[in-house]
Amino acid sequence: MPLSEKLNYIFEFRKRIKDIHPLLDKCFPIVVSSYDKLDIYDIADEERYTLVKTEKNEFGHIPKIRASFPLESYGKRPVCIITEDVFDEPNGYAVVFHEFIHCQQYEICENRLKQRLSVYKQALLEKNYMWELNYNFPYNSEEFISYCNTENNLLQFLTEKRKLIKDSLGSANYEYMTWQEWKEGFAEYIETKIIEKTVKNVEQSDSLSMSRVCLYKTGARFIGALKTKYHNCDENIESLFEMIYENNN
């Protein structure tokens, strides 16, 4: 299937999933990365992507990139950046909408929320602009491993585990954890819902290395636990961050 058809199928796919969450109704520019160039596709009308710009790949080639960030050369607009092979994966379109969720977070409240975080302010002082990726979180601590491995998804139980993490690992580490649980955890939560609705017989691996990806899983799990008590808590994503951050006591 030509790339143009793969891209435009996004709009057909959206019809199947947009009832999962209101944020899934919006699509964003897509940047297709290859070895030496970036092809920027934007929405020409309601259901068609058009190539609007090609530029040199200044980031360096990253195989299998799936990311989202404001693209400086495209008016700092939030974009989904991928390599074309994402569409060959059984859950590839769910991944694209995962990145669209990050675009929504950026547009709605991300920068405002970050201003509250001491870990973000410290990263700026140190000019560590990749802090979200390289923060030295104690993934191998006993408290965090216990939190990750628990099979009890009750809100009260998870809240107690989170309070232990805050008390034992300190407020800065707790800030980073909750930030990632909100940002990546929410996108993971929505992606999982999409996969459950659209993909048959997808095998989910239970093995998980102790790394930042753990926070995708713990965040999605905690959001699910919050929704058992506060059914509409995910509709306002800024308020959702408050709930994730405050639920430790």
Protein backbone atom coordinates (compact mmCIF):
# COMPACT_ATOMS: atom_id res chain seq x y z
CA MET A 1 0.00 0.00 0.00
CA PRO A 2 1.46 3.43 -0.92
CA LEU A 3 2.40 5.70 1.96
CA SER A 4 -0.34 8.18 1.03
CA GLU A 5 -2.98 5.48 1.52
CA LYS A 6 -1.46 4.39 4.82
CA LEU A 7 -1.58 7.96 6.07
CA ASN A 8 -5.09 8.64 4.89
CA TYR A 9 -6.36 5.45 6.51
CA ILE A 10 -5.75 7.26 9.80
CA PHE A 11 -9.03 9.09 9.27
CA GLU A 12 -10.92 5.87 8.65
CA PHE A 13 -9.29 4.34 11.71
CA ARG A 14 -10.32 7.36 13.76
CA LYS A 15 -13.99 6.62 13.06
CA ARG A 16 -13.56 3.24 14.76
CA ILE A 17 -11.98 4.58 17.95
CA LYS A 18 -13.11 8.15 18.60
CA ASP A 19 -15.82 7.03 21.02
CA ILE A 20 -13.06 5.82 23.39
CA HIS A 21 -12.09 9.36 24.37
CA PRO A 22 -12.92 12.86 23.07
CA LEU A 23 -9.24 13.66 22.39
CA LEU A 24 -9.14 10.95 19.71
CA ASP A 25 -11.26 13.07 17.40
CA LYS A 26 -8.32 15.29 16.43
CA CYS A 27 -5.39 14.43 14.14
CA PHE A 28 -2.08 16.24 13.84
CA PRO A 29 0.72 16.73 11.29
CA ILE A 30 2.83 13.65 10.70
CA VAL A 31 6.55 13.67 10.00
CA VAL A 32 7.88 10.59 8.24
CA SER A 33 11.55 10.20 9.05
CA SER A 34 14.07 8.48 6.81
CA TYR A 35 17.85 8.33 6.75
CA ASP A 36 18.50 11.79 5.32
CA LYS A 37 15.19 13.67 5.27
CA LEU A 38 11.97 14.47 7.05
CA ASP A 39 8.75 14.53 5.04
CA ILE A 40 6.12 16.68 6.73
CA TYR A 41 2.51 15.82 6.01
CA ASP A 42 -0.36 18.00 7.10
CA ILE A 43 -4.13 17.80 6.81
CA ALA A 44 -5.19 19.46 3.58
CA ASP A 45 -8.86 18.93 4.24
CA GLU A 46 -10.84 16.89 6.74
CA GLU A 47 -9.67 13.48 5.55
CA ARG A 48 -6.48 13.76 3.54
CA TYR A 49 -2.79 14.15 4.37
CA THR A 50 -0.67 16.10 1.91
CA LEU A 51 3.10 16.46 1.73
CA VAL A 52 3.74 20.11 2.54
CA LYS A 53 7.45 20.22 3.25
CA THR A 54 10.65 18.17 3.03
CA GLU A 55 13.72 19.07 5.00
CA LYS A 56 17.06 17.61 5.95
CA ASN A 57 16.99 15.21 8.87
CA GLU A 58 19.03 17.18 11.39
CA PHE A 59 18.17 14.79 14.22
CA GLY A 60 20.07 11.88 12.73
CA HIS A 61 18.41 8.69 11.61
CA ILE A 62 16.60 6.91 14.43
CA PRO A 63 15.21 3.53 13.31
CA LYS A 64 11.62 2.86 14.36
CA ILE A 65 11.12 6.31 15.84
CA ARG A 66 7.69 6.95 17.36
CA ALA A 67 7.62 10.32 19.04
CA SER A 68 5.89 13.65 19.40
CA PHE A 69 7.26 17.13 19.95
CA PRO A 70 6.82 20.72 18.74
CA LEU A 71 8.76 20.97 15.48
CA GLU A 72 10.81 24.17 15.42
CA SER A 73 10.91 24.34 11.63
CA TYR A 74 7.15 23.96 11.37
CA GLY A 75 6.08 26.85 13.54
CA LYS A 76 6.67 24.86 16.75
CA ARG A 77 3.51 22.94 16.04
CA PRO A 78 3.21 19.57 17.79
CA VAL A 79 3.77 16.73 15.34
CA CYS A 80 3.82 12.95 15.35
CA ILE A 81 7.18 11.72 14.03
CA ILE A 82 7.47 8.13 12.82
CA THR A 83 9.26 5.87 10.42
CA GLU A 84 7.00 4.35 7.78
CA ASP A 85 7.35 0.83 9.19
CA VAL A 86 4.96 1.73 12.02
CA PHE A 87 2.12 0.96 9.62
CA ASP A 88 3.37 -2.61 9.21
CA GLU A 89 2.82 -3.36 12.89
CA PRO A 90 -0.49 -4.88 14.07
CA ASN A 91 -1.04 -1.97 16.47
CA GLY A 92 0.68 0.69 14.37
CA TYR A 93 -2.31 2.99 14.11
CA ALA A 94 -2.84 2.78 17.86
CA VAL A 95 0.77 3.95 18.24
CA VAL A 96 0.10 6.93 15.96
CA PHE A 97 -2.85 7.96 18.12
CA HIS A 98 -0.69 7.48 21.22
CA GLU A 99 1.55 10.19 19.77
CA PHE A 100 -1.47 12.32 18.88
CA ILE A 101 -2.41 12.21 22.57
CA HIS A 102 0.98 13.75 23.36
CA CYS A 103 0.25 16.46 20.81
CA GLN A 104 -2.99 17.16 22.66
CA GLN A 105 -1.18 17.28 26.01
CA TYR A 106 1.23 19.83 24.59
CA GLU A 107 -1.54 22.00 23.18
CA ILE A 108 -3.77 21.89 26.25
CA CYS A 109 -1.64 22.13 29.36
CA GLU A 110 1.80 20.48 29.29
CA ASN A 111 3.95 23.60 29.50
CA ARG A 112 1.80 25.10 32.23
CA LEU A 113 1.99 21.94 34.34
CA LYS A 114 5.76 21.60 33.94
CA GLN A 115 6.30 25.00 35.51
CA ARG A 116 5.20 23.50 38.82
CA LEU A 117 7.86 20.80 38.84
CA SER A 118 11.13 21.30 40.65
CA VAL A 119 12.73 18.58 38.51
CA TYR A 120 11.83 20.55 35.38
CA LYS A 121 13.17 23.83 36.79
CA GLN A 122 16.41 22.12 37.83
CA ALA A 123 16.77 20.57 34.38
CA LEU A 124 16.45 24.01 32.79
CA LEU A 125 19.13 25.40 35.08
CA GLU A 126 21.42 22.57 34.01
CA LYS A 127 20.41 22.97 30.35
CA ASN A 128 19.32 19.35 30.42
CA TYR A 129 16.62 19.59 27.77
CA MET A 130 16.34 15.81 27.52
CA TRP A 131 15.49 15.41 31.20
CA GLU A 132 12.33 13.46 30.49
CA LEU A 133 14.41 10.75 28.82
CA ASN A 134 17.57 10.74 30.93
CA TYR A 135 16.42 11.59 34.47
CA ASN A 136 18.21 9.31 36.94
CA PHE A 137 15.14 7.75 38.54
CA PRO A 138 15.80 4.85 40.98
CA TYR A 139 14.04 2.20 38.92
CA ASN A 140 15.80 -0.61 40.79
CA SER A 141 14.79 0.55 44.24
CA GLU A 142 12.91 -1.96 46.32
CA GLU A 143 9.92 0.38 46.68
CA PHE A 144 9.53 1.01 42.97
CA ILE A 145 10.00 -2.63 41.99
CA SER A 146 7.32 -3.59 44.50
CA TYR A 147 4.99 -0.95 43.05
CA CYS A 148 5.57 -2.20 39.50
CA ASN A 149 5.14 -5.87 40.33
CA THR A 150 2.02 -5.68 42.43
CA GLU A 151 -1.01 -7.45 41.02
CA ASN A 152 -3.43 -5.57 43.28
CA ASN A 153 -4.99 -2.80 41.22
CA LEU A 154 -7.23 -1.40 43.96
CA LEU A 155 -6.95 2.39 44.19
CA GLN A 156 -6.35 2.42 47.95
CA PHE A 157 -3.60 -0.20 47.70
CA LEU A 158 -1.81 1.60 44.85
CA THR A 159 -2.13 4.92 46.68
CA GLU A 160 -0.41 3.40 49.71
CA LYS A 161 2.40 2.10 47.49
CA ARG A 162 2.83 5.56 45.94
CA LYS A 163 2.99 7.22 49.37
CA LEU A 164 5.76 4.81 50.31
CA ILE A 165 7.67 5.79 47.17
CA LYS A 166 7.32 9.50 47.96
CA ASP A 167 8.38 9.01 51.59
CA SER A 168 11.32 6.75 50.71
CA LEU A 169 12.62 8.21 47.44
CA GLY A 170 11.88 11.90 47.99
CA SER A 171 9.71 14.54 46.39
CA ALA A 172 11.88 15.07 43.28
CA ASN A 173 11.70 11.42 42.30
CA TYR A 174 7.99 11.39 43.07
CA GLU A 175 7.51 14.45 40.84
CA TYR A 176 9.28 12.73 37.96
CA MET A 177 7.31 9.54 38.46
CA THR A 178 3.95 11.30 38.48
CA TRP A 179 4.90 13.41 35.47
CA GLN A 180 5.71 10.34 33.42
CA GLU A 181 2.67 8.48 34.74
CA TRP A 182 0.49 11.35 33.56
CA LYS A 183 2.22 12.04 30.26
CA GLU A 184 3.15 8.56 29.07
CA GLY A 185 0.75 6.66 31.29
CA PHE A 186 -2.30 8.43 29.90
CA ALA A 187 -1.16 7.89 26.30
CA GLU A 188 -0.48 4.23 27.14
CA TYR A 189 -3.91 3.92 28.74
CA ILE A 190 -5.62 5.24 25.60
CA GLU A 191 -3.41 3.14 23.30
CA THR A 192 -4.34 0.00 25.22
CA LYS A 193 -8.03 0.83 24.89
CA ILE A 194 -7.56 1.29 21.15
CA ILE A 195 -5.77 -2.05 20.81
CA GLU A 196 -8.47 -3.82 22.79
CA LYS A 197 -11.09 -2.38 20.45
CA THR A 198 -9.36 -2.86 17.09
CA VAL A 199 -6.71 -5.59 17.20
CA LYS A 200 -7.42 -9.28 17.61
CA ASN A 201 -5.09 -11.79 19.25
CA VAL A 202 -2.31 -9.36 20.09
CA GLU A 203 0.12 -10.95 22.51
CA GLN A 204 1.09 -8.72 25.40
CA SER A 205 4.43 -9.48 27.03
CA ASP A 206 4.54 -9.47 30.82
CA SER A 207 8.32 -9.04 30.92
CA LEU A 208 9.45 -5.47 31.46
CA SER A 209 12.92 -4.14 32.16
CA MET A 210 13.17 -1.65 34.98
CA SER A 211 13.33 1.57 33.00
CA ARG A 212 11.27 4.62 32.06
CA VAL A 213 8.86 2.37 30.15
CA CYS A 214 7.72 0.97 33.51
CA LEU A 215 6.13 4.34 34.19
CA TYR A 216 3.98 3.99 31.06
CA LYS A 217 2.54 0.82 32.57
CA THR A 218 2.18 2.03 36.15
CA GLY A 219 0.60 5.26 34.94
CA ALA A 220 -1.94 3.46 32.76
CA ARG A 221 -2.74 1.12 35.63
CA PHE A 222 -3.18 3.95 38.12
CA ILE A 223 -5.42 5.90 35.74
CA GLY A 224 -7.53 2.78 35.36
CA ALA A 225 -7.75 2.49 39.14
CA LEU A 226 -8.75 6.16 39.46
CA LYS A 227 -11.51 5.64 36.91
CA THR A 228 -13.06 2.87 38.98
CA LYS A 229 -13.89 5.52 41.59
CA TYR A 230 -13.98 8.73 39.52
CA HIS A 231 -15.52 7.59 36.25
CA ASN A 232 -14.97 10.76 34.21
CA CYS A 233 -11.62 11.70 35.71
CA ASP A 234 -9.77 11.37 32.39
CA GLU A 235 -11.93 13.79 30.43
CA ASN A 236 -10.05 16.84 31.72
CA ILE A 237 -6.40 15.89 31.40
CA GLU A 238 -5.15 18.83 33.45
CA SER A 239 -7.35 17.78 36.36
CA LEU A 240 -6.19 14.21 35.80
CA PHE A 241 -2.61 15.30 36.47
CA GLU A 242 -3.76 16.83 39.77
CA MET A 243 -5.37 13.54 40.76
CA ILE A 244 -2.30 11.50 39.91
CA TYR A 245 0.00 13.91 41.73
CA GLU A 246 -2.13 14.26 44.85
CA ASN A 247 -3.04 10.60 45.32
CA ASN A 248 -0.29 9.59 47.70
CA ASN A 249 -1.97 10.04 51.06
